[in-house]
Protein backbone atom coordinates (compact mmCIF):
# COMPACT_ATOMS: atom_id res chain seq x y z
CA MET A 1 75.79 74.16 75.58
CA LYS A 2 76.12 77.28 77.70
CA ILE A 3 74.00 80.31 77.13
CA LYS A 4 75.44 83.51 78.52
CA TYR A 5 72.99 86.03 79.79
CA VAL A 6 73.67 89.68 79.34
CA LEU A 7 71.07 91.54 81.39
CA SER A 8 70.74 95.26 81.85
CA PHE A 9 70.97 96.58 85.42
CA VAL A 10 67.38 97.82 85.31
CA ALA A 11 66.00 94.43 84.25
CA ALA A 12 67.83 92.75 87.13
CA LEU A 13 66.00 94.99 89.61
CA VAL A 14 62.50 94.58 88.18
CA VAL A 15 60.18 91.95 89.63
CA GLY A 16 58.87 89.48 87.02
CA PHE A 17 55.20 90.53 87.28
CA SER A 18 55.46 94.29 87.23
CA VAL A 19 52.77 96.43 85.64
CA SER A 20 55.12 98.78 83.81
CA PRO A 21 57.15 97.56 80.82
CA VAL A 22 60.46 95.93 81.61
CA ALA A 23 63.66 97.32 80.14
CA ALA A 24 64.96 95.14 77.34
CA GLN A 25 66.82 92.03 78.44
CA ASN A 26 69.67 91.11 76.13
CA PHE A 27 70.79 87.53 75.60
CA ALA A 28 73.96 86.39 73.81
CA ILE A 29 73.66 82.86 72.45
CA PRO A 30 76.85 80.99 71.47
CA MET A 31 76.50 79.08 68.21
CA THR A 32 78.41 75.90 69.01
CA ALA A 33 77.63 73.96 65.80
CA ALA A 34 76.58 71.01 67.99
CA ASN A 35 73.43 70.60 65.89
CA SER A 36 73.46 69.61 62.22
CA PRO A 37 73.31 72.73 60.04
CA ILE A 38 69.93 73.75 58.66
CA ASP A 39 69.35 75.28 55.24
CA TYR A 40 66.91 78.00 56.27
CA SER A 41 66.57 81.02 58.54
CA TYR A 42 63.73 83.24 59.77
CA THR A 43 62.50 86.63 58.53
CA ASP A 44 60.14 89.39 59.68
CA LEU A 45 57.83 89.18 56.66
CA ALA A 46 54.97 87.23 58.28
CA THR A 47 53.93 85.91 61.69
CA CYS A 48 56.24 82.98 61.10
CA ASN A 49 58.32 83.12 57.95
CA VAL A 50 61.09 80.72 57.00
CA SER A 51 63.54 81.61 54.22
CA ASN A 52 65.60 78.98 52.44
CA GLY A 53 69.21 79.10 51.37
CA GLY A 54 72.60 78.61 52.91
CA SER A 55 73.92 76.36 55.61
CA ARG A 56 73.21 77.94 58.99
CA VAL A 57 74.25 77.03 62.50
CA TYR A 58 71.44 76.91 65.06
CA GLU A 59 70.92 76.53 68.80
CA VAL A 60 67.75 75.67 70.68
CA ALA A 61 66.67 77.10 74.05
CA ILE A 62 63.56 77.33 76.19
CA ILE A 63 62.16 80.80 76.70
CA THR A 64 59.60 81.37 79.44
CA ILE A 65 57.14 84.24 79.09
CA HIS A 66 56.00 85.19 82.58
CA GLN A 67 53.14 87.49 81.57
CA SER A 68 51.01 87.56 78.43
CA GLY A 69 51.41 90.61 76.22
CA THR A 70 53.27 92.15 73.33
CA TYR A 71 57.04 91.75 73.40
CA SER A 72 59.48 93.76 71.28
CA VAL A 73 62.13 91.37 70.03
CA VAL A 74 65.28 92.93 68.59
CA ASP A 75 68.30 91.38 66.89
CA SER A 76 71.04 92.77 69.17
CA VAL A 77 73.73 93.53 66.64
CA GLY A 78 75.33 96.93 67.02
CA PRO A 79 76.80 99.24 69.67
CA GLY A 80 77.46 97.49 72.94
CA PHE A 81 77.58 94.10 71.23
CA PRO A 82 80.63 94.29 68.92
CA ASN A 83 81.28 90.52 68.89
CA LEU A 84 77.77 89.41 67.90
CA VAL A 85 76.88 88.28 64.39
CA ASP A 86 73.57 88.85 62.67
CA GLY A 87 71.01 86.28 63.80
CA ALA A 88 67.42 85.21 63.35
CA LEU A 89 64.90 83.66 65.75
CA GLY A 90 61.99 81.25 65.44
CA LEU A 91 59.56 80.73 68.34
CA TYR A 92 57.63 77.46 68.71
CA SER A 93 54.68 76.53 70.91
CA GLY A 94 55.56 72.86 70.86
CA ALA A 95 58.26 70.61 69.56
CA PHE A 96 60.75 71.95 67.01
CA ASP A 97 61.33 69.68 64.02
CA PRO A 98 64.31 70.84 61.91
CA ALA A 99 62.84 68.98 58.90
CA ASN A 100 59.50 70.84 59.21
CA PRO A 101 60.24 74.36 60.51
CA MET A 102 56.69 75.69 60.00
CA ALA A 103 55.09 73.15 62.38
CA HIS A 104 54.20 74.80 65.72
CA CYS A 105 55.91 78.08 64.72
CA VAL A 106 54.28 81.11 66.38
CA GLY A 107 56.73 83.86 65.47
CA SER A 108 59.92 84.73 63.65
CA VAL A 109 62.32 87.66 63.97
CA ASP A 110 65.23 88.90 61.87
CA GLY A 111 65.66 92.48 62.91
CA ASN A 112 63.00 94.14 65.04
CA LYS A 113 59.46 92.85 65.55
CA ASP A 114 56.61 93.01 68.07
CA ILE A 115 55.16 89.59 68.91
CA SER A 116 52.06 88.92 71.00
CA LEU A 117 52.79 85.98 73.33
CA SER A 118 50.79 84.20 76.02
CA ASP A 119 52.51 83.28 79.26
CA GLY A 120 54.22 79.89 79.20
CA GLU A 121 57.19 78.11 77.71
CA TYR A 122 58.26 78.32 74.08
CA ILE A 123 61.04 76.69 72.12
CA ALA A 124 63.42 79.35 70.78
CA VAL A 125 65.53 78.45 67.73
CA PHE A 126 68.38 80.88 67.14
CA THR A 127 70.16 80.79 63.76
CA THR A 128 72.89 82.77 62.14
CA ALA A 129 71.43 85.05 59.47
CA GLY A 130 74.17 84.01 57.06
CA SER A 131 76.48 81.07 56.65
CA ALA A 132 78.52 80.29 59.74
CA THR A 133 80.77 77.58 61.08
CA GLY A 134 80.09 77.83 64.81
CA GLY A 135 81.89 79.78 67.49
CA GLU A 136 79.94 82.94 66.71
CA GLU A 137 77.36 84.49 69.02
CA VAL A 138 73.99 85.91 68.09
CA GLY A 139 72.11 88.24 70.39
CA PHE A 140 68.52 89.19 70.95
CA GLY A 141 66.78 91.68 73.19
CA PHE A 142 63.33 91.10 74.68
CA GLY A 143 61.26 93.98 76.05
CA GLY A 144 57.67 93.75 77.21
CA PRO A 145 55.26 93.62 80.13
CA ALA A 146 57.46 91.26 82.20
CA ALA A 147 60.88 89.70 82.33
CA VAL A 148 61.56 86.58 80.27
CA THR A 149 63.74 83.61 81.15
CA LEU A 150 66.02 81.84 78.70
CA VAL A 151 67.57 78.45 79.53
CA PRO A 152 69.39 75.86 77.41
CA TYR A 153 67.27 73.18 75.81
CA PRO A 154 67.91 69.78 77.44
CA THR A 155 70.33 67.88 75.23
CA THR A 156 70.10 64.50 76.97
CA PRO A 157 67.50 62.41 75.17
CA VAL A 158 65.00 60.47 77.22
CA VAL A 159 65.53 56.81 76.40
CA ALA A 160 63.02 54.13 77.34
CA SER A 161 64.43 51.28 79.38
CA VAL A 162 64.86 48.17 77.24
CA PRO A 163 65.64 44.83 78.87
CA THR A 164 69.09 43.50 77.98
CA LEU A 165 69.80 39.94 76.90
CA SER A 166 70.67 38.91 80.45
CA GLU A 167 67.35 40.33 81.69
CA TRP A 168 65.51 38.40 78.98
CA ALA A 169 67.37 35.24 79.99
CA MET A 170 66.29 35.72 83.62
CA ILE A 171 62.69 36.27 82.53
CA PHE A 172 62.78 33.11 80.38
CA LEU A 173 64.39 31.10 83.21
CA GLY A 174 61.75 32.31 85.69
CA VAL A 175 58.88 31.37 83.33
CA ALA A 176 60.46 27.97 82.61
CA LEU A 177 60.88 27.24 86.34
CA ALA A 178 57.31 28.28 87.09
CA GLY A 179 56.03 26.14 84.23
CA GLY A 180 58.13 23.17 85.36
CA ALA A 181 56.87 23.51 88.93
CA ALA A 182 53.27 23.64 87.71
CA LEU A 183 53.81 20.49 85.61
CA MET A 184 55.40 18.67 88.54
CA ILE A 185 52.51 19.57 90.86
CA GLN A 186 50.02 18.42 88.18
CA ARG A 187 51.78 15.03 87.77
CA ARG A 188 51.93 14.42 91.53
CA ARG A 189 48.20 15.03 91.87
CA THR A 190 47.33 12.58 89.07
CA ALA A 191 49.71 9.86 90.33
């Protein structure tokens, strides 16, 4: 999953911890349909509001807030972004569970909304605002006290190492040999 970054020239020149507000950074997120569709989207009605209905494509990314403060988040559909479709965004301060979208949700945007965020990493879930098949792009702008960073969410799952049958056979053989040696030593001592 590639996430293309569309940054304004001003934002590229600003240092991450500046005192003055940073010009809006605009991100275009390709909706690849790699994830199973979800049947909800996000709205502006509450701090974190999930609305049901329709099969929607979604992508997950990690957004890093470099300085605490209020960030203006804008759905970037309109002039300058003719190929973007209407999107919605959910921000999470922990794991995102598609089956339980309210867990860990700290903010939602479908249009234009100011969100107060502490510095740190958040999970960003981008959805299409309407039904989609994948291949579309949604866009969002972030403006606030400092620049933000958006990177793809790692897609490679961490799998615990499990011994294979041949490893189990070697373990069993080693234990059997050690037990046999202990028995042999015991018999020699008693004889």
